[in-house]
Amino acid sequence: MNMLGIVPLGWFGSTEIILIVIVVLLLFGGKKIPELMRGLGGGIKEFKNAVKDEEKPKSNAKDQEVS
């Protein structure tokens, strides 16, 4: 707690993490969680590939216009 009596957000202790895990298990069930994680991993992979494609230099564009 700071001087104003406000607890900063973003500080998770072990108790909060355990409660979040229990709530997620109750909401989605044990069988659905691996499927959700696979989907999340696939989305992250697609995002990384899209970022890599945007960073590639397009120096061949001038060569193709001249031909």
PDB file of N, CA and C in Angstrom:
ATOM      1  N   MET A   1       0.840  -1.171   0.000  1.00  0.00           N
ATOM      2  CA  MET A   1       0.000   0.000   0.000  1.00  0.00           C
ATOM      3  C   MET A   1       0.893   1.245   0.000  1.00  0.00           C
ATOM      4  N   ASN A   2       0.516   2.243  -0.758  1.00  0.00           N
ATOM      5  CA  ASN A   2       1.299   3.470  -0.765  1.00  0.00           C
ATOM      6  C   ASN A   2       0.746   4.454   0.262  1.00  0.00           C
ATOM      7  N   MET A   3       1.257   5.673   0.266  1.00  0.00           N
ATOM      8  CA  MET A   3       0.870   6.661   1.281  1.00  0.00           C
ATOM      9  C   MET A   3      -0.602   7.042   1.214  1.00  0.00           C
ATOM     10  N   LEU A   4      -1.206   6.921   0.045  1.00  0.00           N
ATOM     11  CA  LEU A   4      -2.611   7.291  -0.097  1.00  0.00           C
ATOM     12  C   LEU A   4      -3.563   6.168   0.296  1.00  0.00           C
ATOM     13  N   GLY A   5      -3.015   5.007   0.618  1.00  0.00           N
ATOM     14  CA  GLY A   5      -3.859   3.878   0.985  1.00  0.00           C
ATOM     15  C   GLY A   5      -4.393   3.116  -0.208  1.00  0.00           C
ATOM     16  N   ILE A   6      -3.790   3.329  -1.383  1.00  0.00           N
ATOM     17  CA  ILE A   6      -4.246   2.671  -2.604  1.00  0.00           C
ATOM     18  C   ILE A   6      -3.315   1.507  -2.898  1.00  0.00           C
ATOM     19  N   VAL A   7      -3.888   0.354  -3.141  1.00  0.00           N
ATOM     20  CA  VAL A   7      -3.101  -0.818  -3.502  1.00  0.00           C
ATOM     21  C   VAL A   7      -2.887  -0.804  -5.009  1.00  0.00           C
ATOM     22  N   PRO A   8      -1.624  -0.824  -5.463  1.00  0.00           N
ATOM     23  CA  PRO A   8      -1.390  -0.800  -6.909  1.00  0.00           C
ATOM     24  C   PRO A   8      -1.868  -2.085  -7.572  1.00  0.00           C
ATOM     25  N   LEU A   9      -2.469  -1.947  -8.752  1.00  0.00           N
ATOM     26  CA  LEU A   9      -2.937  -3.098  -9.496  1.00  0.00           C
ATOM     27  C   LEU A   9      -1.762  -3.792 -10.162  1.00  0.00           C
ATOM     28  N   GLY A  10      -1.902  -5.083 -10.418  1.00  0.00           N
ATOM     29  CA  GLY A  10      -0.853  -5.805 -11.112  1.00  0.00           C
ATOM     30  C   GLY A  10       0.037  -6.616 -10.188  1.00  0.00           C
ATOM     31  N   TRP A  11      -0.148  -6.509  -8.909  1.00  0.00           N
ATOM     32  CA  TRP A  11       0.666  -7.285  -7.973  1.00  0.00           C
ATOM     33  C   TRP A  11      -0.130  -8.503  -7.534  1.00  0.00           C
ATOM     34  N   PHE A  12       0.229  -9.664  -8.087  1.00  0.00           N
ATOM     35  CA  PHE A  12      -0.480 -10.896  -7.765  1.00  0.00           C
ATOM     36  C   PHE A  12       0.372 -11.736  -6.835  1.00  0.00           C
ATOM     37  N   GLY A  13      -0.227 -12.159  -5.747  1.00  0.00           N
ATOM     38  CA  GLY A  13       0.429 -13.067  -4.842  1.00  0.00           C
ATOM     39  C   GLY A  13       0.002 -14.490  -5.147  1.00  0.00           C
ATOM     40  N   SER A  14       0.511 -15.426  -4.374  1.00  0.00           N
ATOM     41  CA  SER A  14       0.190 -16.831  -4.616  1.00  0.00           C
ATOM     42  C   SER A  14      -1.295 -17.111  -4.373  1.00  0.00           C
ATOM     43  N   THR A  15      -1.894 -16.444  -3.413  1.00  0.00           N
ATOM     44  CA  THR A  15      -3.305 -16.658  -3.117  1.00  0.00           C
ATOM     45  C   THR A  15      -4.185 -16.229  -4.291  1.00  0.00           C
ATOM     46  N   GLU A  16      -3.878 -15.084  -4.884  1.00  0.00           N
ATOM     47  CA  GLU A  16      -4.673 -14.606  -6.011  1.00  0.00           C
ATOM     48  C   GLU A  16      -4.540 -15.521  -7.218  1.00  0.00           C
ATOM     49  N   ILE A  17      -3.316 -15.981  -7.468  1.00  0.00           N
ATOM     50  CA  ILE A  17      -3.093 -16.870  -8.612  1.00  0.00           C
ATOM     51  C   ILE A  17      -3.841 -18.182  -8.423  1.00  0.00           C
ATOM     52  N   ILE A  18      -3.824 -18.736  -7.221  1.00  0.00           N
ATOM     53  CA  ILE A  18      -4.544 -19.981  -6.940  1.00  0.00           C
ATOM     54  C   ILE A  18      -6.047 -19.775  -7.141  1.00  0.00           C
ATOM     55  N   LEU A  19      -6.580 -18.656  -6.679  1.00  0.00           N
ATOM     56  CA  LEU A  19      -8.009 -18.374  -6.855  1.00  0.00           C
ATOM     57  C   LEU A  19      -8.362 -18.241  -8.335  1.00  0.00           C
ATOM     58  N   ILE A  20      -7.517 -17.588  -9.110  1.00  0.00           N
ATOM     59  CA  ILE A  20      -7.771 -17.443 -10.545  1.00  0.00           C
ATOM     60  C   ILE A  20      -7.771 -18.801 -11.230  1.00  0.00           C
ATOM     61  N   VAL A  21      -6.829 -19.662 -10.881  1.00  0.00           N
ATOM     62  CA  VAL A  21      -6.764 -21.002 -11.475  1.00  0.00           C
ATOM     63  C   VAL A  21      -8.010 -21.807 -11.127  1.00  0.00           C
ATOM     64  N   ILE A  22      -8.465 -21.718  -9.896  1.00  0.00           N
ATOM     65  CA  ILE A  22      -9.665 -22.453  -9.475  1.00  0.00           C
ATOM     66  C   ILE A  22     -10.894 -21.951 -10.244  1.00  0.00           C
ATOM     67  N   VAL A  23     -11.023 -20.650 -10.394  1.00  0.00           N
ATOM     68  CA  VAL A  23     -12.171 -20.091 -11.124  1.00  0.00           C
ATOM     69  C   VAL A  23     -12.138 -20.525 -12.583  1.00  0.00           C
ATOM     70  N   VAL A  24     -10.953 -20.511 -13.204  1.00  0.00           N
ATOM     71  CA  VAL A  24     -10.834 -20.938 -14.601  1.00  0.00           C
ATOM     72  C   VAL A  24     -11.205 -22.403 -14.735  1.00  0.00           C
ATOM     73  N   LEU A  25     -10.745 -23.237 -13.813  1.00  0.00           N
ATOM     74  CA  LEU A  25     -11.105 -24.660 -13.850  1.00  0.00           C
ATOM     75  C   LEU A  25     -12.608 -24.860 -13.707  1.00  0.00           C
ATOM     76  N   LEU A  26     -13.232 -24.090 -12.835  1.00  0.00           N
ATOM     77  CA  LEU A  26     -14.676 -24.215 -12.655  1.00  0.00           C
ATOM     78  C   LEU A  26     -15.456 -23.752 -13.881  1.00  0.00           C
ATOM     79  N   LEU A  27     -14.980 -22.688 -14.517  1.00  0.00           N
ATOM     80  CA  LEU A  27     -15.688 -22.154 -15.671  1.00  0.00           C
ATOM     81  C   LEU A  27     -15.542 -23.027 -16.914  1.00  0.00           C
ATOM     82  N   PHE A  28     -14.329 -23.478 -17.190  1.00  0.00           N
ATOM     83  CA  PHE A  28     -14.067 -24.166 -18.444  1.00  0.00           C
ATOM     84  C   PHE A  28     -13.938 -25.680 -18.314  1.00  0.00           C
ATOM     85  N   GLY A  29     -13.608 -26.178 -17.152  1.00  0.00           N
ATOM     86  CA  GLY A  29     -13.422 -27.612 -16.981  1.00  0.00           C
ATOM     87  C   GLY A  29     -12.045 -28.053 -17.432  1.00  0.00           C
ATOM     88  N   GLY A  30     -11.622 -29.206 -16.973  1.00  0.00           N
ATOM     89  CA  GLY A  30     -10.283 -29.708 -17.265  1.00  0.00           C
ATOM     90  C   GLY A  30     -10.064 -30.100 -18.707  1.00  0.00           C
ATOM     91  N   LYS A  31     -11.111 -30.512 -19.406  1.00  0.00           N
ATOM     92  CA  LYS A  31     -10.953 -30.964 -20.784  1.00  0.00           C
ATOM     93  C   LYS A  31     -10.864 -29.802 -21.762  1.00  0.00           C
ATOM     94  N   LYS A  32     -11.444 -28.688 -21.444  1.00  0.00           N
ATOM     95  CA  LYS A  32     -11.504 -27.557 -22.374  1.00  0.00           C
ATOM     96  C   LYS A  32     -10.235 -26.706 -22.327  1.00  0.00           C
ATOM     97  N   ILE A  33      -9.521 -26.694 -21.215  1.00  0.00           N
ATOM     98  CA  ILE A  33      -8.358 -25.818 -21.051  1.00  0.00           C
ATOM     99  C   ILE A  33      -7.238 -26.129 -22.049  1.00  0.00           C
ATOM    100  N   PRO A  34      -6.837 -27.400 -22.274  1.00  0.00           N
ATOM    101  CA  PRO A  34      -5.794 -27.646 -23.285  1.00  0.00           C
ATOM    102  C   PRO A  34      -6.184 -27.160 -24.678  1.00  0.00           C
ATOM    103  N   GLU A  35      -7.453 -27.289 -25.016  1.00  0.00           N
ATOM    104  CA  GLU A  35      -7.929 -26.805 -26.317  1.00  0.00           C
ATOM    105  C   GLU A  35      -7.808 -25.279 -26.408  1.00  0.00           C
ATOM    106  N   LEU A  36      -8.141 -24.584 -25.335  1.00  0.00           N
ATOM    107  CA  LEU A  36      -8.017 -23.126 -25.309  1.00  0.00           C
ATOM    108  C   LEU A  36      -6.556 -22.698 -25.433  1.00  0.00           C
ATOM    109  N   MET A  37      -5.661 -23.411 -24.760  1.00  0.00           N
ATOM    110  CA  MET A  37      -4.242 -23.075 -24.817  1.00  0.00           C
ATOM    111  C   MET A  37      -3.667 -23.322 -26.212  1.00  0.00           C
ATOM    112  N   ARG A  38      -4.116 -24.380 -26.885  1.00  0.00           N
ATOM    113  CA  ARG A  38      -3.666 -24.642 -28.259  1.00  0.00           C
ATOM    114  C   ARG A  38      -4.094 -23.504 -29.180  1.00  0.00           C
ATOM    115  N   GLY A  39      -5.322 -23.051 -29.017  1.00  0.00           N
ATOM    116  CA  GLY A  39      -5.812 -21.943 -29.821  1.00  0.00           C
ATOM    117  C   GLY A  39      -5.033 -20.662 -29.546  1.00  0.00           C
ATOM    118  N   LEU A  40      -4.720 -20.410 -28.291  1.00  0.00           N
ATOM    119  CA  LEU A  40      -3.943 -19.230 -27.925  1.00  0.00           C
ATOM    120  C   LEU A  40      -2.539 -19.317 -28.520  1.00  0.00           C
ATOM    121  N   GLY A  41      -1.919 -20.489 -28.441  1.00  0.00           N
ATOM    122  CA  GLY A  41      -0.590 -20.677 -29.013  1.00  0.00           C
ATOM    123  C   GLY A  41      -0.587 -20.489 -30.524  1.00  0.00           C
ATOM    124  N   GLY A  42      -1.614 -20.994 -31.198  1.00  0.00           N
ATOM    125  CA  GLY A  42      -1.724 -20.814 -32.646  1.00  0.00           C
ATOM    126  C   GLY A  42      -1.885 -19.354 -33.021  1.00  0.00           C
ATOM    127  N   GLY A  43      -2.656 -18.633 -32.233  1.00  0.00           N
ATOM    128  CA  GLY A  43      -2.841 -17.204 -32.491  1.00  0.00           C
ATOM    129  C   GLY A  43      -1.546 -16.421 -32.315  1.00  0.00           C
ATOM    130  N   ILE A  44      -0.783 -16.760 -31.286  1.00  0.00           N
ATOM    131  CA  ILE A  44       0.495 -16.093 -31.057  1.00  0.00           C
ATOM    132  C   ILE A  44       1.462 -16.398 -32.202  1.00  0.00           C
ATOM    133  N   LYS A  45       1.473 -17.654 -32.670  1.00  0.00           N
ATOM    134  CA  LYS A  45       2.354 -18.040 -33.774  1.00  0.00           C
ATOM    135  C   LYS A  45       2.002 -17.273 -35.045  1.00  0.00           C
ATOM    136  N   GLU A  46       0.713 -17.155 -35.347  1.00  0.00           N
ATOM    137  CA  GLU A  46       0.277 -16.406 -36.528  1.00  0.00           C
ATOM    138  C   GLU A  46       0.659 -14.934 -36.421  1.00  0.00           C
ATOM    139  N   PHE A  47       0.535 -14.368 -35.227  1.00  0.00           N
ATOM    140  CA  PHE A  47       0.902 -12.973 -35.025  1.00  0.00           C
ATOM    141  C   PHE A  47       2.389 -12.764 -35.262  1.00  0.00           C
ATOM    142  N   LYS A  48       3.224 -13.657 -34.738  1.00  0.00           N
ATOM    143  CA  LYS A  48       4.669 -13.542 -34.939  1.00  0.00           C
ATOM    144  C   LYS A  48       5.026 -13.648 -36.412  1.00  0.00           C
ATOM    145  N   ASN A  49       4.387 -14.570 -37.137  1.00  0.00           N
ATOM    146  CA  ASN A  49       4.654 -14.713 -38.565  1.00  0.00           C
ATOM    147  C   ASN A  49       4.249 -13.459 -39.327  1.00  0.00           C
ATOM    148  N   ALA A  50       3.139 -12.860 -38.950  1.00  0.00           N
ATOM    149  CA  ALA A  50       2.693 -11.633 -39.622  1.00  0.00           C
ATOM    150  C   ALA A  50       3.668 -10.494 -39.358  1.00  0.00           C
ATOM    151  N   VAL A  51       4.191 -10.406 -38.140  1.00  0.00           N
ATOM    152  CA  VAL A  51       5.158  -9.356 -37.815  1.00  0.00           C
ATOM    153  C   VAL A  51       6.437  -9.569 -38.610  1.00  0.00           C
ATOM    154  N   LYS A  52       6.893 -10.814 -38.740  1.00  0.00           N
ATOM    155  CA  LYS A  52       8.107 -11.105 -39.510  1.00  0.00           C
ATOM    156  C   LYS A  52       7.910 -10.739 -40.976  1.00  0.00           C
ATOM    157  N   ASP A  53       6.739 -11.019 -41.533  1.00  0.00           N
ATOM    158  CA  ASP A  53       6.467 -10.693 -42.930  1.00  0.00           C
ATOM    159  C   ASP A  53       6.500  -9.185 -43.164  1.00  0.00           C
ATOM    160  N   GLU A  54       6.031  -8.405 -42.214  1.00  0.00           N
ATOM    161  CA  GLU A  54       6.020  -6.949 -42.348  1.00  0.00           C
ATOM    162  C   GLU A  54       7.425  -6.362 -42.262  1.00  0.00           C
ATOM    163  N   GLU A  55       8.332  -7.031 -41.523  1.00  0.00           N
ATOM    164  CA  GLU A  55       9.678  -6.501 -41.319  1.00  0.00           C
ATOM    165  C   GLU A  55      10.606  -6.790 -42.490  1.00  0.00           C
ATOM    166  N   LYS A  56      10.252  -7.708 -43.387  1.00  0.00           N
ATOM    167  CA  LYS A  56      11.121  -8.049 -44.507  1.00  0.00           C
ATOM    168  C   LYS A  56      11.238  -6.861 -45.457  1.00  0.00           C
ATOM    169  N   PRO A  57      12.467  -6.548 -45.866  1.00  0.00           N
ATOM    170  CA  PRO A  57      12.631  -5.440 -46.821  1.00  0.00           C
ATOM    171  C   PRO A  57      12.101  -5.833 -48.197  1.00  0.00           C
ATOM    172  N   LYS A  58      11.539  -4.867 -48.880  1.00  0.00           N
ATOM    173  CA  LYS A  58      10.954  -5.129 -50.192  1.00  0.00           C
ATOM    174  C   LYS A  58      11.823  -4.496 -51.270  1.00  0.00           C
ATOM    175  N   SER A  59      13.108  -4.916 -51.303  1.00  0.00           N
ATOM    176  CA  SER A  59      14.056  -4.355 -52.254  1.00  0.00           C
ATOM    177  C   SER A  59      13.834  -4.907 -53.657  1.00  0.00           C
ATOM    178  N   ASN A  60      13.151  -6.014 -53.800  1.00  0.00           N
ATOM    179  CA  ASN A  60      12.907  -6.619 -55.110  1.00  0.00           C
ATOM    180  C   ASN A  60      11.818  -5.897 -55.879  1.00  0.00           C
ATOM    181  N   ALA A  61      11.102  -5.003 -55.264  1.00  0.00           N
ATOM    182  CA  ALA A  61       9.997  -4.311 -55.934  1.00  0.00           C
ATOM    183  C   ALA A  61      10.506  -3.470 -57.100  1.00  0.00           C
ATOM    184  N   LYS A  62      11.640  -2.783 -56.964  1.00  0.00           N
ATOM    185  CA  LYS A  62      12.195  -1.970 -58.046  1.00  0.00           C
ATOM    186  C   LYS A  62      12.654  -2.853 -59.195  1.00  0.00           C
ATOM    187  N   ASP A  63      13.269  -4.002 -58.862  1.00  0.00           N
ATOM    188  CA  ASP A  63      13.734  -4.921 -59.904  1.00  0.00           C
ATOM    189  C   ASP A  63      12.581  -5.452 -60.735  1.00  0.00           C
ATOM    190  N   GLN A  64      11.442  -5.693 -60.126  1.00  0.00           N
ATOM    191  CA  GLN A  64      10.306  -6.231 -60.841  1.00  0.00           C
ATOM    192  C   GLN A  64       9.650  -5.179 -61.726  1.00  0.00           C
ATOM    193  N   GLU A  65       9.686  -3.910 -61.303  1.00  0.00           N
ATOM    194  CA  GLU A  65       9.083  -2.840 -62.095  1.00  0.00           C
ATOM    195  C   GLU A  65       9.875  -2.583 -63.380  1.00  0.00           C
ATOM    196  N   VAL A  66      11.200  -2.704 -63.316  1.00  0.00           N
ATOM    197  CA  VAL A  66      12.049  -2.436 -64.456  1.00  0.00           C
ATOM    198  C   VAL A  66      11.887  -3.506 -65.518  1.00  0.00           C
ATOM    199  N   SER A  67      11.688  -4.755 -65.108  1.00  0.00           N
ATOM    200  CA  SER A  67      11.627  -5.858 -66.066  1.00  0.00           C
ATOM    201  C   SER A  67      10.456  -5.797 -66.973  1.00  0.00           C
TER     202      SER A  67
END
